Amino acid sequence: MTLAPRKPRIAPIAPAASSPGWTPIWPTLSDDAARRAFLDRHLEGWEQRYARFLATEGASEPPGDPADPPHAADFLLTITALAARRIALGGDAS
């Protein structure tokens, strides 16, 4: 049995790369300290969003596709990926 790749269920924070005027942020960050601060802010935001999702039993995140609503795992995968990136940069955690 072959599983199809999983599509994101949560709307992205930033516009798609093909959006007019979109500029990738990561390359513009001056150093690892700036990258750590960026990741710390995003981790905090996603953790708050996840807490709100749990508290509202999913009502805080409208589904992009009604047949495929967001799940807690979607948040946890995002938070885990951001945390792994943050750990890889090292330094003090904020």
C-alpha atoms as a PDB file:
ATOM      1  CA  MET A   1       0.000   0.000   0.000  1.00  0.00           C
ATOM      2  CA  THR A   2       1.368   3.403  -1.008  1.00  0.00           C
ATOM      3  CA  LEU A   3       0.380   6.451   0.984  1.00  0.00           C
ATOM      4  CA  ALA A   4      -0.092   9.747  -0.771  1.00  0.00           C
ATOM      5  CA  PRO A   5       2.006  12.638   0.547  1.00  0.00           C
ATOM      6  CA  ARG A   6       0.199  14.541   3.252  1.00  0.00           C
ATOM      7  CA  LYS A   7      -0.837  18.075   2.334  1.00  0.00           C
ATOM      8  CA  PRO A   8      -0.722  20.828   4.954  1.00  0.00           C
ATOM      9  CA  ARG A   9      -4.048  21.326   6.704  1.00  0.00           C
ATOM     10  CA  ILE A  10      -3.314  24.628   8.404  1.00  0.00           C
ATOM     11  CA  ALA A  11      -3.131  27.880   6.519  1.00  0.00           C
ATOM     12  CA  PRO A  12       0.453  29.160   6.365  1.00  0.00           C
ATOM     13  CA  ILE A  13       1.446  32.223   8.367  1.00  0.00           C
ATOM     14  CA  ALA A  14       3.237  33.774   5.393  1.00  0.00           C
ATOM     15  CA  PRO A  15       1.936  34.116   1.838  1.00  0.00           C
ATOM     16  CA  ALA A  16       2.984  31.621  -0.784  1.00  0.00           C
ATOM     17  CA  ALA A  17       6.381  32.206  -2.374  1.00  0.00           C
ATOM     18  CA  SER A  18       4.633  32.960  -5.646  1.00  0.00           C
ATOM     19  CA  SER A  19       2.712  35.885  -4.084  1.00  0.00           C
ATOM     20  CA  PRO A  20       3.687  39.296  -5.464  1.00  0.00           C
ATOM     21  CA  GLY A  21       6.087  41.117  -3.196  1.00  0.00           C
ATOM     22  CA  TRP A  22       6.908  38.032  -1.106  1.00  0.00           C
ATOM     23  CA  THR A  23      10.465  37.921   0.230  1.00  0.00           C
ATOM     24  CA  PRO A  24      11.908  34.952   2.113  1.00  0.00           C
ATOM     25  CA  ILE A  25      12.780  36.050   5.654  1.00  0.00           C
ATOM     26  CA  TRP A  26      15.372  33.439   6.672  1.00  0.00           C
ATOM     27  CA  PRO A  27      18.157  34.637   4.335  1.00  0.00           C
ATOM     28  CA  THR A  28      17.648  38.228   5.466  1.00  0.00           C
ATOM     29  CA  LEU A  29      18.307  37.438   9.137  1.00  0.00           C
ATOM     30  CA  SER A  30      21.733  38.816   9.995  1.00  0.00           C
ATOM     31  CA  ASP A  31      23.113  36.044  12.220  1.00  0.00           C
ATOM     32  CA  ASP A  32      22.278  32.990  14.312  1.00  0.00           C
ATOM     33  CA  ALA A  33      21.079  35.134  17.220  1.00  0.00           C
ATOM     34  CA  ALA A  34      18.496  36.750  14.915  1.00  0.00           C
ATOM     35  CA  ARG A  35      17.519  33.321  13.578  1.00  0.00           C
ATOM     36  CA  ARG A  36      17.113  31.982  17.140  1.00  0.00           C
ATOM     37  CA  ALA A  37      14.917  34.962  18.068  1.00  0.00           C
ATOM     38  CA  PHE A  38      12.840  34.446  14.906  1.00  0.00           C
ATOM     39  CA  LEU A  39      12.330  30.763  15.701  1.00  0.00           C
ATOM     40  CA  ASP A  40      11.576  31.501  19.365  1.00  0.00           C
ATOM     41  CA  ARG A  41       8.804  33.923  18.318  1.00  0.00           C
ATOM     42  CA  HIS A  42       7.321  31.441  15.877  1.00  0.00           C
ATOM     43  CA  LEU A  43       7.509  28.592  18.376  1.00  0.00           C
ATOM     44  CA  GLU A  44       5.673  30.689  20.945  1.00  0.00           C
ATOM     45  CA  GLY A  45       3.038  31.651  18.380  1.00  0.00           C
ATOM     46  CA  TRP A  46       2.446  28.062  17.268  1.00  0.00           C
ATOM     47  CA  GLU A  47       2.277  26.847  20.878  1.00  0.00           C
ATOM     48  CA  GLN A  48      -0.359  29.504  21.642  1.00  0.00           C
ATOM     49  CA  ARG A  49      -2.245  28.601  18.481  1.00  0.00           C
ATOM     50  CA  TYR A  50      -2.158  24.911  19.467  1.00  0.00           C
ATOM     51  CA  ALA A  51      -3.399  25.686  23.000  1.00  0.00           C
ATOM     52  CA  ARG A  52      -6.263  27.728  21.520  1.00  0.00           C
ATOM     53  CA  PHE A  53      -7.028  24.871  19.095  1.00  0.00           C
ATOM     54  CA  LEU A  54      -7.269  22.420  22.002  1.00  0.00           C
ATOM     55  CA  ALA A  55      -9.315  24.794  24.184  1.00  0.00           C
ATOM     56  CA  THR A  56     -11.856  25.364  21.403  1.00  0.00           C
ATOM     57  CA  GLU A  57     -11.873  21.712  20.303  1.00  0.00           C
ATOM     58  CA  GLY A  58     -10.652  22.750  16.864  1.00  0.00           C
ATOM     59  CA  ALA A  59     -13.060  25.642  16.281  1.00  0.00           C
ATOM     60  CA  SER A  60     -10.244  28.225  16.350  1.00  0.00           C
ATOM     61  CA  GLU A  61      -8.786  26.931  13.076  1.00  0.00           C
ATOM     62  CA  PRO A  62     -11.205  26.969  10.167  1.00  0.00           C
ATOM     63  CA  PRO A  63     -10.438  24.151   7.770  1.00  0.00           C
ATOM     64  CA  GLY A  64      -9.040  25.051   4.373  1.00  0.00           C
ATOM     65  CA  ASP A  65     -10.901  22.009   3.090  1.00  0.00           C
ATOM     66  CA  PRO A  66     -14.032  20.959   5.024  1.00  0.00           C
ATOM     67  CA  ALA A  67     -13.327  17.343   4.119  1.00  0.00           C
ATOM     68  CA  ASP A  68      -9.850  17.569   5.632  1.00  0.00           C
ATOM     69  CA  PRO A  69      -9.936  19.699   8.822  1.00  0.00           C
ATOM     70  CA  PRO A  70      -6.807  20.437  10.886  1.00  0.00           C
ATOM     71  CA  HIS A  71      -5.747  17.933  13.535  1.00  0.00           C
ATOM     72  CA  ALA A  72      -3.591  18.266  16.637  1.00  0.00           C
ATOM     73  CA  ALA A  73      -0.850  16.346  14.814  1.00  0.00           C
ATOM     74  CA  ASP A  74      -0.588  19.162  12.263  1.00  0.00           C
ATOM     75  CA  PHE A  75       0.345  21.568  15.055  1.00  0.00           C
ATOM     76  CA  LEU A  76       2.687  19.116  16.735  1.00  0.00           C
ATOM     77  CA  LEU A  77       4.567  18.440  13.501  1.00  0.00           C
ATOM     78  CA  THR A  78       5.049  22.185  12.934  1.00  0.00           C
ATOM     79  CA  ILE A  79       6.121  22.816  16.533  1.00  0.00           C
ATOM     80  CA  THR A  80       8.514  19.853  16.446  1.00  0.00           C
ATOM     81  CA  ALA A  81      10.099  21.024  13.181  1.00  0.00           C
ATOM     82  CA  LEU A  82      10.559  24.574  14.491  1.00  0.00           C
ATOM     83  CA  ALA A  83      12.013  23.253  17.769  1.00  0.00           C
ATOM     84  CA  ALA A  84      14.444  20.979  15.908  1.00  0.00           C
ATOM     85  CA  ARG A  85      15.618  23.921  13.805  1.00  0.00           C
ATOM     86  CA  ARG A  86      15.987  26.021  16.948  1.00  0.00           C
ATOM     87  CA  ILE A  87      17.992  23.310  18.731  1.00  0.00           C
ATOM     88  CA  ALA A  88      20.241  22.918  15.696  1.00  0.00           C
ATOM     89  CA  LEU A  89      21.214  26.602  15.980  1.00  0.00           C
ATOM     90  CA  GLY A  90      22.301  26.091  19.590  1.00  0.00           C
ATOM     91  CA  GLY A  91      22.857  29.011  21.923  1.00  0.00           C
ATOM     92  CA  ASP A  92      20.689  30.059  24.829  1.00  0.00           C
ATOM     93  CA  ALA A  93      16.983  29.395  24.626  1.00  0.00           C
ATOM     94  CA  SER A  94      14.788  32.438  25.178  1.00  0.00           C
END
